[in-house]
């Protein structure tokens, strides 16, 4: 998926950016929803789950940027 988004960014940066942001938000939503269904957390635990989901998505993006550098024209 990351390679597809980078290829889109190389062709048209706005499309790649919009799809990349949408994909990242979808992953955060899915991680939070699955965590809530599995753990049935309290409000405090849910806040922690969201922080972990956002952190893991951020780390994933940073690793992807370091490994696959798009050639933006």
C-alpha atoms as a PDB file:
ATOM      1  CA  UNK A   1       0.000   0.000   0.000  1.00  0.00           C
ATOM      2  CA  UNK A   2       2.822   2.374   0.844  1.00  0.00           C
ATOM      3  CA  UNK A   3       4.444   1.815  -2.535  1.00  0.00           C
ATOM      4  CA  UNK A   4       1.137   2.534  -4.292  1.00  0.00           C
ATOM      5  CA  UNK A   5       0.771   5.797  -2.374  1.00  0.00           C
ATOM      6  CA  UNK A   6       4.323   6.831  -3.235  1.00  0.00           C
ATOM      7  CA  UNK A   7       3.727   6.043  -6.882  1.00  0.00           C
ATOM      8  CA  UNK A   8       0.613   8.239  -6.771  1.00  0.00           C
ATOM      9  CA  UNK A   9       2.643  11.008  -5.110  1.00  0.00           C
ATOM     10  CA  UNK A  10       5.180  10.793  -7.911  1.00  0.00           C
ATOM     11  CA  UNK A  11       2.389  11.212 -10.470  1.00  0.00           C
ATOM     12  CA  UNK A  12       0.173  13.715  -8.630  1.00  0.00           C
ATOM     13  CA  UNK A  13       1.104  14.760  -5.109  1.00  0.00           C
ATOM     14  CA  UNK A  14      -2.379  15.918  -4.066  1.00  0.00           C
ATOM     15  CA  UNK A  15      -3.983  12.543  -4.845  1.00  0.00           C
ATOM     16  CA  UNK A  16      -1.248  10.641  -3.002  1.00  0.00           C
ATOM     17  CA  UNK A  17      -1.492  12.950  -0.022  1.00  0.00           C
ATOM     18  CA  UNK A  18      -5.271  12.685   0.249  1.00  0.00           C
ATOM     19  CA  UNK A  19      -5.260   8.899  -0.103  1.00  0.00           C
ATOM     20  CA  UNK A  20      -2.333   8.566   2.310  1.00  0.00           C
ATOM     21  CA  UNK A  21      -4.086  10.657   4.954  1.00  0.00           C
ATOM     22  CA  UNK A  22      -7.335   8.737   4.467  1.00  0.00           C
ATOM     23  CA  UNK A  23      -5.495   5.417   4.742  1.00  0.00           C
ATOM     24  CA  UNK A  24      -3.684   6.515   7.927  1.00  0.00           C
ATOM     25  CA  UNK A  25      -6.938   7.663   9.550  1.00  0.00           C
ATOM     26  CA  UNK A  26      -8.606   4.381   8.591  1.00  0.00           C
ATOM     27  CA  UNK A  27      -5.824   2.388  10.246  1.00  0.00           C
ATOM     28  CA  UNK A  28      -6.082   4.457  13.443  1.00  0.00           C
ATOM     29  CA  UNK A  29      -9.865   3.968  13.486  1.00  0.00           C
ATOM     30  CA  UNK A  30      -9.564   0.210  12.954  1.00  0.00           C
ATOM     31  CA  UNK A  31      -6.902  -0.183  15.657  1.00  0.00           C
ATOM     32  CA  UNK A  32      -9.043   1.739  18.152  1.00  0.00           C
ATOM     33  CA  UNK A  33     -12.236  -0.123  17.245  1.00  0.00           C
ATOM     34  CA  UNK A  34     -10.637  -3.572  17.431  1.00  0.00           C
ATOM     35  CA  UNK A  35      -8.912  -2.680  20.703  1.00  0.00           C
ATOM     36  CA  UNK A  36     -12.219  -1.515  22.163  1.00  0.00           C
ATOM     37  CA  UNK A  37     -14.042  -4.704  21.155  1.00  0.00           C
ATOM     38  CA  UNK A  38     -11.301  -7.007  22.441  1.00  0.00           C
ATOM     39  CA  UNK A  39     -10.559  -5.241  25.727  1.00  0.00           C
ATOM     40  CA  UNK A  40     -13.821  -3.419  26.607  1.00  0.00           C
ATOM     41  CA  UNK A  41     -11.752  -0.588  28.128  1.00  0.00           C
ATOM     42  CA  UNK A  42     -12.600   2.206  30.491  1.00  0.00           C
ATOM     43  CA  UNK A  43     -12.333   5.809  29.283  1.00  0.00           C
ATOM     44  CA  UNK A  44      -8.767   6.089  30.557  1.00  0.00           C
ATOM     45  CA  UNK A  45      -7.756   2.877  28.818  1.00  0.00           C
ATOM     46  CA  UNK A  46      -9.455   4.027  25.594  1.00  0.00           C
ATOM     47  CA  UNK A  47      -7.403   7.225  25.641  1.00  0.00           C
ATOM     48  CA  UNK A  48      -4.274   5.091  25.990  1.00  0.00           C
ATOM     49  CA  UNK A  49      -5.389   2.881  23.082  1.00  0.00           C
ATOM     50  CA  UNK A  50      -5.860   5.936  20.874  1.00  0.00           C
ATOM     51  CA  UNK A  51      -2.431   7.301  21.819  1.00  0.00           C
ATOM     52  CA  UNK A  52      -0.849   3.938  20.996  1.00  0.00           C
ATOM     53  CA  UNK A  53      -2.715   3.765  17.669  1.00  0.00           C
ATOM     54  CA  UNK A  54      -1.627   7.273  16.679  1.00  0.00           C
ATOM     55  CA  UNK A  55       1.950   6.584  17.762  1.00  0.00           C
ATOM     56  CA  UNK A  56       2.148   3.340  15.803  1.00  0.00           C
ATOM     57  CA  UNK A  57       0.741   5.007  12.684  1.00  0.00           C
ATOM     58  CA  UNK A  58       3.269   7.835  13.025  1.00  0.00           C
ATOM     59  CA  UNK A  59       6.149   5.411  13.470  1.00  0.00           C
ATOM     60  CA  UNK A  60       4.929   3.465  10.434  1.00  0.00           C
ATOM     61  CA  UNK A  61       4.889   6.591   8.276  1.00  0.00           C
ATOM     62  CA  UNK A  62       8.376   7.614   9.445  1.00  0.00           C
ATOM     63  CA  UNK A  63       9.787   4.149   8.706  1.00  0.00           C
ATOM     64  CA  UNK A  64       8.121   4.148   5.287  1.00  0.00           C
ATOM     65  CA  UNK A  65       9.569   7.578   4.494  1.00  0.00           C
ATOM     66  CA  UNK A  66      13.036   6.437   5.500  1.00  0.00           C
ATOM     67  CA  UNK A  67      12.848   3.217   3.482  1.00  0.00           C
ATOM     68  CA  UNK A  68      11.015   4.409   0.358  1.00  0.00           C
ATOM     69  CA  UNK A  69      11.807   7.985  -0.632  1.00  0.00           C
ATOM     70  CA  UNK A  70       9.402   9.274  -3.293  1.00  0.00           C
ATOM     71  CA  UNK A  71      10.874  11.282  -6.128  1.00  0.00           C
ATOM     72  CA  UNK A  72       8.600  14.323  -6.094  1.00  0.00           C
ATOM     73  CA  UNK A  73       9.032  16.429  -9.212  1.00  0.00           C
END
